[in-house]
């Protein structure tokens, strides 16, 4: 059986700068499946987004329907480079992808970001036995007044980072700050993962956050990418409120 590739479909509320997990896109090697997060109990699901003014995507007008296609939905496909585009091979190299990369690989690498558009695509938490893994970009760096201008001189690939709870945060009670080993406050765990990582820390699970990549010359949402890993004990606590973020590895 093919490994299922999954991406979280994220909507940004430009009024509050908060992000919501409004749906999930899966691909098993033969079929693409999109479904809104209407089954989720997360505080950042599609219902929460609707309360903030979100409107269902015109390509997917029914909230509880499962959408399927043998090719990547055109509304998502237009967000990534076409394989017939001049310089396509160079684009793959820049994204650290090989010639076998499929449309989901491209969507993951580029995050499907379009200027001024509220949608993006992020990796889920992948579960393999009792280990959760993912990759994400640190949020809020551009608005971090404590971040030194020369931060690229201090942050390097492979550096270990520390996560700290901010339970008195006025915007998100699940906020998790990320700090460099030198004590520099970098930013936050993205809001869509915050409740999950908050719960892991509260339950004293073993977590690791390592710098995977830095792009100081890009827009701030690309500055620092990290690899997240956690060893968990599923019987220790209730994951129902964020299990829509967790995808089991299928080999």
Protein backbone atom coordinates (compact mmCIF):
# COMPACT_ATOMS: atom_id res chain seq x y z
CA UNK A 1 0.00 0.00 0.00
CA UNK A 2 1.26 3.48 -0.85
CA UNK A 3 2.09 5.91 1.88
CA UNK A 4 -0.72 8.45 2.14
CA UNK A 5 0.49 12.01 1.67
CA UNK A 6 -1.51 14.55 3.65
CA UNK A 7 -1.56 18.32 4.00
CA UNK A 8 -3.56 20.56 6.30
CA UNK A 9 -5.45 23.29 4.43
CA UNK A 10 -5.02 26.50 6.41
CA UNK A 11 -7.02 29.72 6.24
CA UNK A 12 -5.68 32.99 7.65
CA UNK A 13 -8.04 35.55 9.14
CA UNK A 14 -6.40 38.80 8.05
CA UNK A 15 -8.33 40.75 10.71
CA UNK A 16 -6.74 38.86 13.60
CA UNK A 17 -3.75 37.22 11.87
CA UNK A 18 -4.92 33.90 13.33
CA UNK A 19 -4.77 30.66 11.34
CA UNK A 20 -7.44 27.96 11.12
CA UNK A 21 -7.28 24.37 9.97
CA UNK A 22 -10.29 24.37 7.65
CA UNK A 23 -9.67 21.13 5.79
CA UNK A 24 -7.34 18.26 4.92
CA UNK A 25 -6.04 17.10 1.55
CA UNK A 26 -4.95 13.44 1.17
CA UNK A 27 -3.34 11.58 -1.72
CA UNK A 28 -2.79 7.80 -1.80
CA UNK A 29 -0.97 7.68 -5.13
CA UNK A 30 -4.17 7.28 -7.13
CA UNK A 31 -6.78 9.59 -5.71
CA UNK A 32 -6.90 13.04 -4.10
CA UNK A 33 -9.42 13.54 -1.31
CA UNK A 34 -10.41 16.85 0.29
CA UNK A 35 -12.63 17.21 3.33
CA UNK A 36 -13.40 20.14 5.62
CA UNK A 37 -12.48 19.78 9.29
CA UNK A 38 -16.15 19.58 10.33
CA UNK A 39 -15.45 16.46 12.41
CA UNK A 40 -12.70 18.17 14.39
CA UNK A 41 -13.05 19.31 18.00
CA UNK A 42 -10.12 21.69 17.67
CA UNK A 43 -10.68 25.36 18.63
CA UNK A 44 -9.21 26.27 15.22
CA UNK A 45 -11.48 24.10 13.02
CA UNK A 46 -13.69 25.15 10.11
CA UNK A 47 -16.59 26.05 12.41
CA UNK A 48 -14.38 28.46 14.33
CA UNK A 49 -13.24 29.93 11.03
CA UNK A 50 -16.83 30.37 9.87
CA UNK A 51 -17.56 32.31 13.04
CA UNK A 52 -14.74 34.68 12.06
CA UNK A 53 -16.15 35.29 8.60
CA UNK A 54 -14.68 32.43 6.61
CA UNK A 55 -16.67 31.36 3.57
CA UNK A 56 -16.46 27.84 2.15
CA UNK A 57 -14.22 27.63 -0.89
CA UNK A 58 -16.27 27.96 -4.13
CA UNK A 59 -14.68 24.75 -5.43
CA UNK A 60 -15.93 22.89 -2.33
CA UNK A 61 -19.33 24.41 -1.52
CA UNK A 62 -20.68 21.63 0.75
CA UNK A 63 -19.36 21.52 4.31
CA UNK A 64 -19.82 17.80 5.01
CA UNK A 65 -19.07 16.37 1.55
CA UNK A 66 -15.96 14.32 0.76
CA UNK A 67 -14.47 15.56 -2.53
CA UNK A 68 -12.45 13.14 -4.65
CA UNK A 69 -10.43 13.40 -7.87
CA UNK A 70 -7.84 11.39 -9.80
CA UNK A 71 -5.91 14.62 -10.45
CA UNK A 72 -5.06 17.42 -8.06
CA UNK A 73 -8.03 19.76 -7.72
CA UNK A 74 -7.47 22.66 -10.12
CA UNK A 75 -7.93 25.29 -7.41
CA UNK A 76 -4.94 23.77 -5.58
CA UNK A 77 -2.96 22.83 -8.68
CA UNK A 78 -2.79 26.44 -9.89
CA UNK A 79 -0.82 27.32 -6.76
CA UNK A 80 2.27 25.35 -7.76
CA UNK A 81 4.58 25.41 -10.82
CA UNK A 82 3.48 23.39 -13.82
CA UNK A 83 5.86 20.67 -14.98
CA UNK A 84 5.80 22.18 -18.50
CA UNK A 85 7.04 25.51 -17.21
CA UNK A 86 10.44 26.68 -18.45
CA UNK A 87 12.98 26.18 -15.69
CA UNK A 88 10.87 23.56 -13.90
CA UNK A 89 13.95 21.43 -13.12
CA UNK A 90 15.65 24.44 -11.55
CA UNK A 91 12.55 25.06 -9.42
CA UNK A 92 12.71 21.47 -8.16
CA UNK A 93 16.38 21.92 -7.26
CA UNK A 94 15.64 25.15 -5.40
CA UNK A 95 12.95 23.34 -3.42
CA UNK A 96 15.31 20.41 -2.73
CA UNK A 97 13.03 18.05 -4.68
CA UNK A 98 14.05 15.39 -7.17
CA UNK A 99 12.57 14.66 -10.59
CA UNK A 100 10.18 12.12 -9.09
CA UNK A 101 8.40 14.76 -7.01
CA UNK A 102 4.63 14.74 -7.45
CA UNK A 103 2.10 17.54 -7.08
CA UNK A 104 1.69 16.92 -3.34
CA UNK A 105 5.45 17.20 -2.85
CA UNK A 106 5.40 20.57 -4.63
CA UNK A 107 2.41 21.76 -2.65
CA UNK A 108 4.14 20.82 0.58
CA UNK A 109 7.44 22.48 -0.36
CA UNK A 110 5.88 25.74 -1.60
CA UNK A 111 3.00 25.63 0.94
CA UNK A 112 0.80 26.73 -1.96
CA UNK A 113 1.25 30.34 -0.91
CA UNK A 114 -0.03 33.12 -3.19
CA UNK A 115 0.51 36.79 -2.41
CA UNK A 116 -2.46 38.34 -0.60
CA UNK A 117 -4.30 35.00 -0.50
CA UNK A 118 -5.56 33.55 2.82
CA UNK A 119 -4.85 29.88 2.06
CA UNK A 120 -1.71 27.85 2.71
CA UNK A 121 -0.83 24.18 3.18
CA UNK A 122 1.05 22.73 6.14
CA UNK A 123 2.30 19.32 7.18
CA UNK A 124 0.24 17.29 9.66
CA UNK A 125 1.66 15.58 12.72
CA UNK A 126 2.72 12.12 11.53
CA UNK A 127 2.35 9.22 13.94
CA UNK A 128 4.66 6.21 13.65
CA UNK A 129 4.07 3.87 16.59
CA UNK A 130 4.54 6.24 19.55
CA UNK A 131 6.51 8.95 17.75
CA UNK A 132 5.01 12.16 16.36
CA UNK A 133 6.98 14.10 13.75
CA UNK A 134 6.39 17.15 11.59
CA UNK A 135 8.05 20.20 10.06
CA UNK A 136 6.80 23.75 10.43
CA UNK A 137 7.88 27.38 10.22
CA UNK A 138 8.14 29.55 13.32
CA UNK A 139 5.33 32.10 13.45
CA UNK A 140 5.40 35.73 14.51
CA UNK A 141 9.06 36.49 13.87
CA UNK A 142 8.34 39.70 11.96
CA UNK A 143 6.37 41.11 14.89
CA UNK A 144 8.90 40.02 17.53
CA UNK A 145 10.46 43.20 18.90
CA UNK A 146 12.91 41.12 20.97
CA UNK A 147 14.42 39.49 17.89
CA UNK A 148 17.87 40.97 17.15
CA UNK A 149 18.45 42.20 13.61
CA UNK A 150 21.47 39.95 13.30
CA UNK A 151 19.54 36.81 14.30
CA UNK A 152 20.86 34.86 11.24
CA UNK A 153 24.33 35.06 12.80
CA UNK A 154 23.08 33.16 15.87
CA UNK A 155 20.68 30.60 14.36
CA UNK A 156 22.12 27.65 12.47
CA UNK A 157 20.83 24.42 10.95
CA UNK A 158 20.91 21.71 13.59
CA UNK A 159 20.50 24.06 16.57
CA UNK A 160 18.26 22.78 19.35
CA UNK A 161 15.34 25.02 20.35
CA UNK A 162 13.22 25.13 23.49
CA UNK A 163 9.43 25.41 23.73
CA UNK A 164 7.84 27.30 26.62
CA UNK A 165 4.15 27.66 27.50
CA UNK A 166 2.61 31.15 27.66
CA UNK A 167 -0.56 30.38 29.58
CA UNK A 168 -1.17 34.08 30.24
CA UNK A 169 -1.04 34.96 26.52
CA UNK A 170 -4.03 37.22 25.81
CA UNK A 171 -4.51 35.98 22.26
CA UNK A 172 -4.14 32.22 22.66
CA UNK A 173 -4.17 30.32 25.94
CA UNK A 174 -2.36 27.46 24.18
CA UNK A 175 0.46 29.72 22.94
CA UNK A 176 3.90 28.09 22.90
CA UNK A 177 6.97 30.29 22.55
CA UNK A 178 10.15 29.04 20.87
CA UNK A 179 13.59 30.02 22.18
CA UNK A 180 17.11 29.49 20.91
CA UNK A 181 19.67 27.89 23.22
CA UNK A 182 21.29 31.34 23.61
CA UNK A 183 18.03 32.61 25.12
CA UNK A 184 16.83 34.49 22.04
CA UNK A 185 13.03 34.48 21.75
CA UNK A 186 12.29 33.60 18.13
CA UNK A 187 8.51 33.38 17.87
CA UNK A 188 5.72 30.86 18.30
CA UNK A 189 4.56 27.40 17.40
CA UNK A 190 1.97 27.93 14.63
CA UNK A 191 -1.52 28.23 16.09
CA UNK A 192 -2.84 25.12 14.37
CA UNK A 193 -0.32 22.96 16.27
CA UNK A 194 -0.29 24.96 19.49
CA UNK A 195 -2.93 23.01 21.42
CA UNK A 196 -1.29 19.68 20.57
CA UNK A 197 2.21 20.78 21.57
CA UNK A 198 0.81 22.53 24.63
CA UNK A 199 -0.76 19.23 25.72
CA UNK A 200 2.45 17.31 25.10
CA UNK A 201 4.44 19.73 27.26
CA UNK A 202 1.82 19.72 30.03
CA UNK A 203 1.99 15.93 30.09
CA UNK A 204 5.78 15.96 30.30
CA UNK A 205 6.23 14.18 26.99
CA UNK A 206 9.71 14.15 25.46
CA UNK A 207 9.79 16.70 22.61
CA UNK A 208 12.53 17.93 20.32
CA UNK A 209 12.63 21.01 18.08
CA UNK A 210 15.62 21.32 15.74
CA UNK A 211 16.38 24.02 13.16
CA UNK A 212 15.95 22.41 9.72
CA UNK A 213 16.46 25.44 7.48
CA UNK A 214 16.88 29.20 7.59
CA UNK A 215 15.98 31.67 4.85
CA UNK A 216 16.73 35.16 6.21
CA UNK A 217 16.48 36.72 2.72
CA UNK A 218 12.90 35.50 2.22
CA UNK A 219 9.64 36.85 3.66
CA UNK A 220 9.38 36.36 7.43
CA UNK A 221 7.04 33.35 7.21
CA UNK A 222 9.95 31.45 5.62
CA UNK A 223 12.73 32.54 8.00
CA UNK A 224 13.11 29.44 10.17
CA UNK A 225 11.82 25.95 9.46
CA UNK A 226 12.07 23.39 12.25
CA UNK A 227 11.72 19.66 12.62
CA UNK A 228 9.45 18.66 15.49
CA UNK A 229 9.57 15.25 17.15
CA UNK A 230 7.82 13.90 20.22
CA UNK A 231 7.69 10.53 21.93
CA UNK A 232 4.16 10.15 23.25
CA UNK A 233 2.06 7.82 25.36
CA UNK A 234 -1.40 7.93 23.84
CA UNK A 235 -3.03 6.31 26.87
CA UNK A 236 -1.87 9.13 29.14
CA UNK A 237 -4.23 11.81 27.89
CA UNK A 238 -7.06 12.64 25.56
CA UNK A 239 -6.07 13.61 22.00
CA UNK A 240 -9.60 13.94 20.68
CA UNK A 241 -9.45 17.72 20.40
CA UNK A 242 -6.60 17.65 17.91
CA UNK A 243 -6.52 14.16 16.44
CA UNK A 244 -7.51 15.64 13.08
CA UNK A 245 -3.91 16.97 12.91
CA UNK A 246 -2.46 13.48 13.37
CA UNK A 247 -1.95 11.24 10.35
CA UNK A 248 -0.73 7.69 10.82
CA UNK A 249 2.15 6.62 8.59
CA UNK A 250 1.02 3.93 6.15
CA UNK A 251 3.77 1.96 4.44
